[in-house]
N, C-alpha and C. Protein backbone atom coordinates (compact mmCIF):
# COMPACT_ATOMS: atom_id res chain seq x y z
N UNK A 1 29.69 147.53 41.45
CA UNK A 1 28.55 147.73 41.42
C UNK A 1 27.96 149.03 41.28
N UNK A 2 27.36 149.78 40.48
CA UNK A 2 26.85 150.85 40.04
C UNK A 2 26.48 151.87 41.00
N UNK A 3 27.01 152.49 41.22
CA UNK A 3 26.07 153.64 42.53
C UNK A 3 25.21 154.49 42.05
N UNK A 4 24.74 154.77 40.65
CA UNK A 4 23.79 155.33 40.19
C UNK A 4 22.56 154.84 40.59
N UNK A 5 21.45 156.17 40.40
CA UNK A 5 19.98 155.70 41.27
C UNK A 5 19.37 156.86 40.32
N UNK A 6 18.38 156.31 39.84
CA UNK A 6 17.09 156.57 39.17
C UNK A 6 16.07 157.65 40.25
N UNK A 7 15.83 159.00 40.25
CA UNK A 7 15.08 159.48 40.90
C UNK A 7 13.86 160.31 40.38
N UNK A 8 12.58 159.44 39.89
CA UNK A 8 11.44 160.19 39.33
C UNK A 8 10.54 161.12 39.95
N UNK A 9 10.29 162.10 38.94
CA UNK A 9 9.20 163.36 39.42
C UNK A 9 8.00 162.97 38.98
N UNK A 10 7.18 163.13 39.98
CA UNK A 10 5.67 162.78 39.20
C UNK A 10 4.40 163.95 39.86
N UNK A 11 3.46 164.42 38.85
CA UNK A 11 2.78 165.02 39.43
C UNK A 11 1.98 165.66 38.61
N UNK A 12 0.91 166.36 38.70
CA UNK A 12 -0.49 166.82 38.08
C UNK A 12 0.25 168.24 37.40
N UNK A 13 -0.01 168.68 35.92
CA UNK A 13 0.58 169.78 35.54
C UNK A 13 0.88 170.86 36.19
N UNK A 14 1.76 171.77 36.19
CA UNK A 14 1.40 172.80 37.06
C UNK A 14 2.31 172.46 38.33
N UNK A 15 2.08 171.21 39.12
CA UNK A 15 3.30 170.76 40.42
C UNK A 15 4.21 171.07 40.69
N UNK A 16 4.99 171.66 39.66
CA UNK A 16 6.54 171.90 39.51
C UNK A 16 7.26 170.66 39.38
N UNK A 17 7.18 170.01 38.75
CA UNK A 17 8.37 169.12 38.47
C UNK A 17 9.26 169.62 37.38
N UNK A 18 9.36 170.06 36.53
CA UNK A 18 10.49 170.74 36.05
C UNK A 18 11.31 171.87 36.95
N UNK A 19 11.14 172.77 37.71
CA UNK A 19 11.51 173.27 38.55
C UNK A 19 12.16 172.52 39.85
N UNK A 20 11.45 171.63 40.43
CA UNK A 20 12.42 170.71 41.52
C UNK A 20 13.45 169.92 40.29
N UNK A 21 13.13 169.41 39.17
CA UNK A 21 14.48 168.47 38.30
C UNK A 21 15.53 169.02 38.36
N UNK A 22 15.46 170.50 38.14
CA UNK A 22 16.67 171.62 37.62
C UNK A 22 17.42 171.88 39.26
N UNK A 23 16.68 172.00 40.48
CA UNK A 23 17.23 172.11 41.56
C UNK A 23 17.76 170.68 41.84
N UNK A 24 16.99 169.54 41.82
CA UNK A 24 17.74 168.43 42.06
C UNK A 24 19.16 168.02 41.60
N UNK A 25 18.91 168.47 40.16
CA UNK A 25 20.08 168.06 39.93
C UNK A 25 21.52 169.07 40.33
N UNK A 26 21.19 170.35 40.55
CA UNK A 26 22.27 171.11 40.80
C UNK A 26 22.74 170.92 42.57
N UNK A 27 21.61 170.59 42.96
CA UNK A 27 22.13 169.81 44.82
C UNK A 27 22.95 168.71 44.44
N UNK A 28 22.66 167.72 43.78
CA UNK A 28 23.29 167.11 43.74
C UNK A 28 25.14 166.90 42.76
N UNK A 29 24.75 167.71 42.06
CA UNK A 29 26.24 168.02 41.25
C UNK A 29 26.98 168.60 42.38
N UNK A 30 26.78 169.77 43.21
CA UNK A 30 27.22 170.49 43.88
C UNK A 30 27.70 168.69 45.26
N UNK A 31 27.37 168.55 45.34
CA UNK A 31 27.48 167.14 46.11
C UNK A 31 28.66 166.48 45.20
N UNK A 32 28.85 166.56 44.49
CA UNK A 32 29.77 165.43 43.78
C UNK A 32 29.62 164.62 42.69
N UNK A 33 27.77 164.62 42.57
CA UNK A 33 27.68 163.53 41.75
C UNK A 33 27.35 163.62 39.94
N UNK A 34 27.69 162.73 39.29
CA UNK A 34 27.25 163.24 38.06
C UNK A 34 25.81 162.75 37.64
N UNK A 35 24.95 164.06 36.89
CA UNK A 35 23.38 163.97 36.90
C UNK A 35 23.39 163.89 35.11
N UNK A 36 22.27 162.72 35.18
CA UNK A 36 21.73 163.00 33.71
C UNK A 36 20.30 163.35 33.99
N UNK A 37 19.97 164.16 33.24
CA UNK A 37 18.56 164.68 33.25
C UNK A 37 17.67 164.56 32.40
N UNK A 38 16.12 163.88 32.58
CA UNK A 38 15.56 163.80 31.30
C UNK A 38 14.24 163.81 31.58
N UNK A 39 13.38 163.73 30.62
CA UNK A 39 11.76 163.75 30.88
C UNK A 39 11.50 162.88 29.81
N UNK A 40 9.96 162.83 29.82
CA UNK A 40 9.17 162.34 29.33
C UNK A 40 7.75 163.33 28.98
N UNK A 41 7.70 163.88 27.76
CA UNK A 41 8.01 163.39 26.68
C UNK A 41 9.47 163.08 26.00
N UNK A 42 10.27 162.57 25.91
CA UNK A 42 11.11 162.55 25.43
C UNK A 42 11.78 163.29 24.17
N UNK A 43 12.90 163.70 23.89
CA UNK A 43 13.36 164.30 22.45
C UNK A 43 13.56 163.24 21.08
N UNK A 44 12.86 162.07 21.72
CA UNK A 44 13.16 161.06 20.34
C UNK A 44 12.08 161.80 19.38
N UNK A 45 11.68 160.59 18.42
CA UNK A 45 10.64 161.00 17.62
C UNK A 45 9.37 160.62 18.46
N UNK A 46 9.36 159.62 19.03
CA UNK A 46 8.20 159.07 19.84
C UNK A 46 7.47 160.42 20.58
N UNK A 47 8.48 161.01 20.97
CA UNK A 47 8.61 162.33 22.35
C UNK A 47 7.85 163.52 21.25
N UNK A 48 7.79 163.65 20.27
CA UNK A 48 7.40 164.59 19.51
C UNK A 48 6.16 164.40 18.83
N UNK A 49 5.53 162.94 18.88
CA UNK A 49 4.66 162.72 18.19
C UNK A 49 3.58 162.47 19.14
N UNK A 50 4.05 162.29 20.62
CA UNK A 50 3.53 162.53 21.93
C UNK A 50 2.98 164.26 21.96
N UNK A 51 3.81 164.90 22.19
CA UNK A 51 3.69 166.11 21.92
C UNK A 51 2.60 166.81 21.07
N UNK A 52 2.68 166.27 20.00
CA UNK A 52 1.44 166.74 18.75
C UNK A 52 0.18 166.25 19.35
N UNK A 53 -0.05 164.98 19.81
CA UNK A 53 -1.42 164.05 20.25
C UNK A 53 -1.98 164.97 21.25
N UNK A 54 -0.79 165.73 21.99
CA UNK A 54 -1.45 166.56 23.39
C UNK A 54 -2.19 167.70 23.26
N UNK A 55 -1.68 168.07 22.36
CA UNK A 55 -2.25 169.41 21.84
C UNK A 55 -3.53 169.35 21.04
N UNK A 56 -3.92 168.17 20.79
CA UNK A 56 -5.19 168.04 19.89
C UNK A 56 -6.48 168.55 21.05
N UNK A 57 -6.99 169.49 20.53
CA UNK A 57 -8.28 169.87 21.77
C UNK A 57 -9.44 168.87 22.12
N UNK A 58 -9.69 167.57 21.03
CA UNK A 58 -10.56 166.67 21.00
C UNK A 58 -9.68 165.45 20.87
N UNK A 59 -10.32 164.36 21.61
CA UNK A 59 -9.60 163.07 21.18
C UNK A 59 -10.45 162.02 21.18
N UNK A 60 -10.35 160.69 20.10
CA UNK A 60 -11.47 159.90 20.42
C UNK A 60 -10.76 158.47 21.00
N UNK A 61 -11.40 157.65 20.96
CA UNK A 61 -10.53 156.21 21.73
C UNK A 61 -8.90 155.65 21.18
N UNK A 62 -9.20 155.79 19.70
CA UNK A 62 -8.37 155.11 18.93
C UNK A 62 -7.09 156.33 19.22
N UNK A 63 -7.18 157.36 19.25
CA UNK A 63 -6.34 158.54 19.31
C UNK A 63 -5.89 158.20 20.73
N UNK A 64 -6.76 158.08 21.70
CA UNK A 64 -6.09 157.94 22.68
C UNK A 64 -5.26 156.85 23.51
N UNK A 65 -5.59 155.78 22.55
CA UNK A 65 -4.85 154.86 22.61
C UNK A 65 -3.11 154.59 22.03
N UNK A 66 -3.46 155.27 21.01
CA UNK A 66 -2.12 155.95 20.42
C UNK A 66 -1.41 156.54 21.04
N UNK A 67 -1.59 157.51 21.99
CA UNK A 67 -1.13 158.18 22.71
C UNK A 67 -0.14 157.62 24.09
N UNK A 68 -1.04 156.26 24.57
CA UNK A 68 -0.53 155.67 25.34
C UNK A 68 0.34 154.77 24.84
N UNK A 69 0.11 153.84 23.86
CA UNK A 69 1.11 153.26 23.29
C UNK A 69 2.50 154.10 22.75
N UNK A 70 2.23 155.11 22.33
CA UNK A 70 3.11 156.25 22.18
C UNK A 70 4.31 156.90 23.42
N UNK A 71 3.78 156.41 24.39
CA UNK A 71 4.46 156.98 26.04
C UNK A 71 4.89 156.11 26.14
N UNK A 72 4.44 154.83 25.82
CA UNK A 72 5.23 153.05 26.40
C UNK A 72 6.10 153.14 25.52
N UNK A 73 5.82 153.22 24.17
CA UNK A 73 7.53 152.96 23.60
C UNK A 73 8.33 154.37 23.93
N UNK A 74 7.87 155.33 23.82
CA UNK A 74 8.93 156.43 24.26
C UNK A 74 9.57 156.03 25.62
N UNK A 75 8.87 155.64 26.21
CA UNK A 75 9.77 155.27 28.16
C UNK A 75 10.76 154.57 27.55
N UNK A 76 10.54 153.01 26.78
CA UNK A 76 11.10 152.12 26.64
C UNK A 76 12.60 152.42 25.94
N UNK A 77 12.36 153.15 24.88
CA UNK A 77 13.39 153.91 24.12
C UNK A 77 14.22 155.20 25.11
N UNK A 78 14.04 155.76 26.30
CA UNK A 78 14.30 156.60 26.97
C UNK A 78 15.11 155.98 28.36
N UNK A 79 14.86 154.80 28.19
CA UNK A 79 15.23 154.02 29.80
C UNK A 79 16.76 153.30 29.15
N UNK A 80 16.55 152.82 27.57
CA UNK A 80 18.19 152.58 27.34
C UNK A 80 19.12 153.70 27.55
N UNK A 81 18.76 154.93 27.15
CA UNK A 81 19.52 156.12 27.60
C UNK A 81 19.46 155.81 29.99
N UNK A 82 18.71 155.83 30.16
CA UNK A 82 18.76 155.98 31.78
C UNK A 82 20.01 154.51 31.96
N UNK A 83 19.49 153.44 31.38
CA UNK A 83 20.50 152.43 32.11
C UNK A 83 22.11 152.40 31.65
N UNK A 84 22.00 153.40 30.57
CA UNK A 84 23.89 153.18 30.56
C UNK A 84 24.01 154.51 30.98
N UNK A 85 23.36 155.36 31.55
CA UNK A 85 23.87 156.26 32.40
C UNK A 85 23.81 155.83 33.91
N UNK A 86 23.34 154.92 34.46
CA UNK A 86 23.21 154.49 35.88
C UNK A 86 24.24 153.78 35.62
N UNK A 87 24.42 152.82 34.80
CA UNK A 87 26.01 152.14 34.77
C UNK A 87 26.89 152.72 34.81
N UNK A 88 27.33 153.98 34.12
CA UNK A 88 28.23 155.05 34.52
C UNK A 88 28.16 155.60 35.94
N UNK A 89 27.53 155.22 36.58
CA UNK A 89 27.37 155.68 38.15
C UNK A 89 26.62 157.30 38.43
N UNK A 90 26.08 157.40 37.00
CA UNK A 90 25.29 158.97 37.37
C UNK A 90 23.99 158.29 37.76
N UNK A 91 23.70 159.68 38.60
CA UNK A 91 22.39 159.90 39.23
C UNK A 91 21.63 160.14 38.31
N UNK A 92 20.12 159.66 38.06
CA UNK A 92 19.54 160.23 36.79
C UNK A 92 18.00 160.85 37.99
N UNK A 93 17.61 162.01 36.79
CA UNK A 93 16.47 162.89 37.40
C UNK A 93 16.08 162.75 36.24
N UNK A 94 14.36 162.04 36.21
CA UNK A 94 13.59 161.61 35.21
C UNK A 94 12.24 162.87 35.84
N UNK A 95 12.01 163.38 34.73
CA UNK A 95 10.57 164.34 34.58
C UNK A 95 9.49 163.90 34.26
N UNK A 96 9.12 162.72 35.29
CA UNK A 96 8.00 161.82 34.72
C UNK A 96 8.32 160.33 34.01
N UNK A 97 7.26 159.44 34.56
CA UNK A 97 7.37 157.92 33.67
C UNK A 97 6.34 157.30 34.01
N UNK A 98 6.32 155.87 34.58
CA UNK A 98 5.30 155.03 34.28
C UNK A 98 4.05 155.63 34.96
N UNK A 99 4.10 155.75 36.06
CA UNK A 99 3.21 156.46 37.08
C UNK A 99 2.32 157.45 36.10
N UNK A 100 3.15 158.66 35.64
CA UNK A 100 1.97 159.57 34.90
C UNK A 100 0.93 158.90 33.63
N UNK A 101 1.83 157.70 32.62
CA UNK A 101 0.55 156.87 32.02
C UNK A 101 -0.39 156.22 33.05
N UNK A 102 -0.17 155.60 34.07
CA UNK A 102 -1.51 155.28 34.95
C UNK A 102 -2.19 156.11 35.63
N UNK A 103 -1.75 157.41 35.53
CA UNK A 103 -2.79 158.48 35.71
C UNK A 103 -3.84 159.02 34.59
N UNK A 104 -2.74 159.57 33.92
CA UNK A 104 -3.16 160.27 32.85
C UNK A 104 -3.75 159.25 31.92
N UNK A 105 -3.41 158.13 31.48
CA UNK A 105 -3.73 157.68 30.03
C UNK A 105 -5.02 156.59 30.99
N UNK A 106 -4.64 156.27 31.93
CA UNK A 106 -5.63 155.25 32.94
C UNK A 106 -6.75 156.24 33.24
N UNK A 107 -6.79 157.38 33.01
CA UNK A 107 -8.25 158.21 33.04
C UNK A 107 -8.69 157.93 32.20
N UNK A 108 -8.94 157.74 30.60
CA UNK A 108 -9.31 157.59 29.42
C UNK A 108 -9.24 156.49 28.79
N UNK A 109 -8.67 155.44 29.60
CA UNK A 109 -8.52 154.04 29.07
C UNK A 109 -8.99 153.37 29.99
N UNK A 110 -8.61 151.87 30.08
CA UNK A 110 -9.11 150.87 31.19
C UNK A 110 -7.15 150.74 31.73
N UNK A 111 -7.43 151.07 32.95
CA UNK A 111 -6.13 150.76 33.52
C UNK A 111 -5.19 149.71 33.53
N UNK A 112 -6.27 148.63 33.85
CA UNK A 112 -5.52 147.19 33.41
C UNK A 112 -4.35 147.52 32.21
N UNK A 113 -5.31 147.71 31.04
CA UNK A 113 -4.78 148.06 30.14
C UNK A 113 -3.38 148.91 29.77
N UNK A 114 -3.40 150.19 30.30
CA UNK A 114 -2.15 150.73 30.10
C UNK A 114 -0.72 150.31 31.02
N UNK A 115 -1.49 149.51 32.14
CA UNK A 115 -0.27 148.69 32.85
C UNK A 115 0.10 148.06 32.06
N UNK A 116 -0.97 147.03 31.54
CA UNK A 116 0.00 146.01 30.89
C UNK A 116 1.11 146.61 29.27
N UNK A 117 0.48 147.32 29.30
CA UNK A 117 1.61 147.79 27.77
C UNK A 117 2.97 148.63 28.31
N UNK A 118 2.70 148.90 29.94
CA UNK A 118 3.60 149.53 30.48
C UNK A 118 5.09 148.56 31.29
N UNK A 119 4.39 147.22 30.80
CA UNK A 119 5.01 146.52 32.09
C UNK A 119 6.70 146.19 32.03
N UNK A 120 7.10 146.36 30.55
CA UNK A 120 8.89 146.30 30.60
C UNK A 120 9.42 147.63 30.60
N UNK A 121 8.90 148.70 31.50
CA UNK A 121 9.63 149.55 31.65
C UNK A 121 10.14 149.40 32.75
N UNK A 122 11.49 149.97 33.29
CA UNK A 122 11.79 149.24 34.71
C UNK A 122 11.36 150.38 35.84
N UNK A 123 11.48 150.08 37.06
CA UNK A 123 11.08 150.75 37.83
C UNK A 123 12.36 151.95 38.74
N UNK A 124 11.74 152.84 38.87
CA UNK A 124 12.92 153.66 39.56
C UNK A 124 13.28 153.38 41.23
N UNK A 125 14.34 153.86 41.50
CA UNK A 125 14.83 153.61 42.71
C UNK A 125 13.76 154.12 43.40
N UNK A 126 13.32 155.74 43.19
CA UNK A 126 12.58 156.54 44.37
C UNK A 126 11.92 157.04 43.06
N UNK A 127 10.62 157.65 43.41
CA UNK A 127 9.95 158.42 43.06
C UNK A 127 8.85 159.59 43.71
N UNK A 128 9.28 160.72 43.13
CA UNK A 128 9.15 161.98 44.32
C UNK A 128 7.58 162.37 43.73
N UNK A 129 6.45 162.07 44.36
CA UNK A 129 5.02 162.73 43.96
C UNK A 129 4.85 163.95 44.63
N UNK A 130 4.68 165.19 43.70
CA UNK A 130 4.71 166.56 44.39
C UNK A 130 2.49 166.88 44.11
N UNK A 131 2.50 166.73 45.53
CA UNK A 131 1.14 166.41 45.60
C UNK A 131 0.65 167.89 45.97
N UNK A 132 -0.15 168.92 45.31
CA UNK A 132 -1.22 169.99 45.69
C UNK A 132 -2.51 169.94 44.87
N UNK A 133 -3.03 171.04 45.40
CA UNK A 133 -4.69 171.04 44.87
C UNK A 133 -4.87 171.58 43.48
N UNK A 134 -5.54 171.06 42.84
CA UNK A 134 -5.67 171.58 41.47
C UNK A 134 -6.13 172.87 41.23
N UNK A 135 -6.82 173.49 41.80
CA UNK A 135 -6.97 174.98 42.01
C UNK A 135 -5.27 175.90 42.10
N UNK A 136 -4.74 175.18 42.68
CA UNK A 136 -3.21 175.98 42.68
C UNK A 136 -2.64 175.62 41.07
N UNK A 137 -2.61 174.52 40.95
CA UNK A 137 -1.85 173.97 39.54
C UNK A 137 -2.53 174.83 38.49
N UNK A 138 -3.79 174.62 38.31
CA UNK A 138 -4.67 175.68 37.10
C UNK A 138 -3.83 177.10 37.53
N UNK A 139 -4.25 177.91 38.90
CA UNK A 139 -3.32 179.26 38.68
C UNK A 139 -2.25 179.47 38.04
N UNK A 140 -1.31 178.13 38.63
CA UNK A 140 0.24 178.55 37.75
C UNK A 140 0.23 178.26 36.29
N UNK A 141 -0.75 177.69 35.97
CA UNK A 141 -1.16 176.94 34.34
C UNK A 141 -1.31 178.31 33.77
N UNK A 142 -1.82 178.97 34.26
CA UNK A 142 -2.54 180.00 33.97
C UNK A 142 -1.52 181.10 33.82
N UNK A 143 -0.72 181.00 35.21
CA UNK A 143 0.14 182.19 34.55
C UNK A 143 1.05 182.17 33.83
N UNK A 144 1.52 181.16 33.55
CA UNK A 144 2.61 181.25 32.99
C UNK A 144 2.04 181.27 31.01
N UNK A 145 1.19 181.52 30.66
CA UNK A 145 0.53 181.89 29.79
C UNK A 145 0.78 180.83 28.42
N UNK A 146 1.21 179.82 28.37
CA UNK A 146 1.49 178.70 27.58
C UNK A 146 0.24 178.12 27.03
N UNK A 147 0.74 177.46 25.70
CA UNK A 147 -0.22 176.90 24.83
C UNK A 147 -0.57 175.56 25.74
N UNK A 148 -2.06 175.70 26.37
CA UNK A 148 -2.32 174.23 26.74
C UNK A 148 -2.78 172.86 25.89
N UNK A 149 -2.44 172.28 27.00
CA UNK A 149 -2.75 170.67 26.59
C UNK A 149 -3.93 170.68 26.66
N UNK A 150 -4.54 169.54 26.13
CA UNK A 150 -6.11 168.99 26.71
C UNK A 150 -5.95 168.44 28.23
N UNK A 151 -5.51 168.17 28.69
CA UNK A 151 -5.68 167.60 30.28
C UNK A 151 -5.73 168.97 31.36
N UNK A 152 -5.36 169.89 30.75
CA UNK A 152 -4.92 171.26 31.62
C UNK A 152 -6.38 172.18 31.66
N UNK A 153 -7.48 171.55 32.27
CA UNK A 153 -8.57 172.15 32.90
C UNK A 153 -8.89 171.86 34.43
N UNK A 154 -9.38 172.70 35.15
CA UNK A 154 -9.69 172.38 36.49
C UNK A 154 -10.28 170.99 36.66
N UNK A 155 -11.17 170.79 36.11
CA UNK A 155 -11.68 169.34 36.45
C UNK A 155 -11.16 168.08 36.26
N UNK A 156 -10.76 168.40 35.22
CA UNK A 156 -9.27 167.02 34.98
C UNK A 156 -8.73 167.01 35.64
N UNK A 157 -7.58 168.20 36.16
CA UNK A 157 -6.60 168.31 37.09
C UNK A 157 -6.78 168.06 38.51
N UNK A 158 -8.04 167.95 38.61
CA UNK A 158 -9.06 167.57 40.00
C UNK A 158 -8.84 165.96 40.01
N UNK A 159 -9.44 165.30 38.99
CA UNK A 159 -9.46 164.27 38.96
C UNK A 159 -8.18 163.04 38.98
N UNK A 160 -7.06 163.94 38.21
CA UNK A 160 -5.73 163.64 38.14
C UNK A 160 -5.14 163.13 39.33
N UNK A 161 -5.67 164.36 40.51
CA UNK A 161 -5.31 164.49 41.36
C UNK A 161 -5.37 163.56 42.65
N UNK A 162 -6.40 163.20 42.17
CA UNK A 162 -7.51 161.56 43.36
C UNK A 162 -6.64 160.60 42.64
N UNK A 163 -6.35 160.79 41.16
CA UNK A 163 -5.21 159.41 40.92
C UNK A 163 -4.49 159.21 41.48
N UNK A 164 -3.79 160.15 41.05
CA UNK A 164 -2.03 159.96 41.65
C UNK A 164 -2.46 159.90 43.01
N UNK A 165 -3.13 160.53 44.22
CA UNK A 165 -3.19 159.84 45.47
C UNK A 165 -3.45 158.60 45.65
N UNK A 166 -4.20 157.75 45.16
CA UNK A 166 -5.06 156.53 44.96
C UNK A 166 -3.63 155.35 44.66
N UNK A 167 -3.33 155.81 43.50
CA UNK A 167 -1.86 154.86 42.92
C UNK A 167 -0.64 155.15 44.22
N UNK A 168 -0.36 156.09 44.27
CA UNK A 168 0.37 156.01 45.41
C UNK A 168 0.68 155.17 46.34
N UNK A 169 -0.39 155.29 46.93
CA UNK A 169 -0.91 153.66 48.18
C UNK A 169 -0.64 152.68 47.70
N UNK A 170 -1.06 152.30 46.59
CA UNK A 170 -0.89 150.75 45.66
C UNK A 170 0.48 150.80 45.44
N UNK A 171 0.78 149.10 45.54
CA UNK A 171 1.89 148.74 45.26
C UNK A 171 2.42 148.84 43.65
N UNK A 172 3.28 149.96 43.60
CA UNK A 172 3.52 150.02 42.66
C UNK A 172 4.55 150.23 41.84
N UNK A 173 5.53 149.42 42.70
CA UNK A 173 6.88 148.73 42.11
C UNK A 173 8.02 149.35 42.87
N UNK A 174 7.60 150.57 43.06
CA UNK A 174 9.09 151.56 43.43
C UNK A 174 8.54 152.19 44.48
N UNK A 175 9.38 152.76 45.60
CA UNK A 175 8.84 153.38 46.65
C UNK A 175 8.54 155.08 45.87
N UNK A 176 7.25 155.47 46.71
CA UNK A 176 6.72 156.64 46.38
C UNK A 176 6.52 157.22 47.64
N UNK A 177 6.91 158.56 47.29
CA UNK A 177 7.17 159.53 48.68
C UNK A 177 6.56 160.93 48.29
N UNK A 178 5.35 161.38 48.75
CA UNK A 178 4.48 162.57 48.32
C UNK A 178 4.88 163.61 49.29
N UNK A 179 5.10 164.41 48.18
CA UNK A 179 5.79 165.77 48.33
C UNK A 179 4.52 166.79 48.75
N UNK A 180 4.60 167.46 49.77
CA UNK A 180 3.95 169.09 50.03
C UNK A 180 4.52 170.04 48.65
N UNK A 181 3.84 169.59 47.58
CA UNK A 181 3.83 170.88 46.65
C UNK A 181 2.94 172.37 46.77
N UNK A 182 2.72 172.60 47.82
CA UNK A 182 1.38 173.21 48.03
C UNK A 182 2.42 174.88 49.32
N UNK A 183 3.74 174.15 48.47
CA UNK A 183 4.77 175.78 49.36
C UNK A 183 5.83 176.29 47.94
N UNK A 184 6.51 176.93 49.26
CA UNK A 184 7.66 177.53 48.17
C UNK A 184 8.52 176.34 47.38
N UNK A 185 9.14 176.86 46.49
CA UNK A 185 10.19 175.97 46.18
C UNK A 185 11.31 175.64 46.68
N UNK A 186 11.67 175.97 47.47
CA UNK A 186 12.32 175.98 48.37
C UNK A 186 12.30 175.02 49.45
N UNK A 187 11.29 174.98 49.56
CA UNK A 187 10.41 174.13 50.66
C UNK A 187 10.32 172.46 50.02
N UNK A 188 9.80 172.82 48.95
CA UNK A 188 9.25 171.44 48.25
C UNK A 188 10.94 170.64 47.96
N UNK A 189 12.03 171.25 47.90
CA UNK A 189 13.41 171.35 47.36
C UNK A 189 13.55 170.42 48.68
N UNK A 190 13.90 171.09 49.82
CA UNK A 190 14.30 170.58 51.30
C UNK A 190 13.52 169.41 51.45
N UNK A 191 12.10 169.09 50.89
CA UNK A 191 11.76 167.68 51.31
C UNK A 191 11.87 166.60 50.09
N UNK A 192 12.26 167.14 49.23
CA UNK A 192 12.80 165.92 48.09
C UNK A 192 14.70 165.66 48.87
N UNK A 193 15.01 166.71 49.34
CA UNK A 193 16.49 166.27 49.92
C UNK A 193 16.16 165.19 51.07
N UNK A 194 15.52 165.13 51.90
CA UNK A 194 15.43 164.56 52.97
C UNK A 194 14.97 163.03 52.56
N UNK A 195 14.44 163.36 51.40
CA UNK A 195 13.94 162.03 50.90
C UNK A 195 14.73 160.99 49.73
N UNK A 196 15.28 161.78 49.59
CA UNK A 196 16.73 161.12 48.44
C UNK A 196 17.88 160.62 49.68
N UNK A 197 18.06 161.37 50.61
CA UNK A 197 18.78 161.15 51.94
C UNK A 197 18.74 159.74 52.30
N UNK A 198 17.46 159.64 52.76
CA UNK A 198 17.01 158.37 53.08
C UNK A 198 17.79 157.18 52.16
N UNK A 199 17.39 157.59 51.02
CA UNK A 199 17.54 156.60 50.01
C UNK A 199 19.28 156.24 49.87
N UNK A 200 20.04 157.11 49.97
CA UNK A 200 21.30 157.02 49.93
C UNK A 200 21.90 156.29 51.26
């Protein structure tokens, strides 16, 4: 039986999922585990298409549906790699998965439809949701100075925060642990370690 696990990190833009993914990977590797770190959008062609769609300043319903379907397809392709990694007893750290689609694409399209197109995506062993105010996330986004995607406005991030909090309370399929992300990166990592230790 495989001892590999799948840990998914979720949160609004600016929440610090990439920073936590790197820190968790180092921690697990130092503990003797082999880690497969990945993210969505992936490096597959579907992921490249997603990045292009996300940078469009406006989007009609057809383009929004195309984005949601691209995420669902990208997720299934990525899960083929994840399954192989778990079968090799690796611990997978994945920056975002289907909860992101329910939050982001579900804010623009019927949530039930978004849920239905992601029904074939397997569940993670644990989802860690980095929770922080939209104002803090927006300040971080502005500080990094990168090209903004269309979800990166204060009003949208505020709505997405509420959606994450609501969906985390529902029966999502895998355990969701909320982490207070409005603290230092070291404190976020400590919370994540405690959640993972409980899983192990």
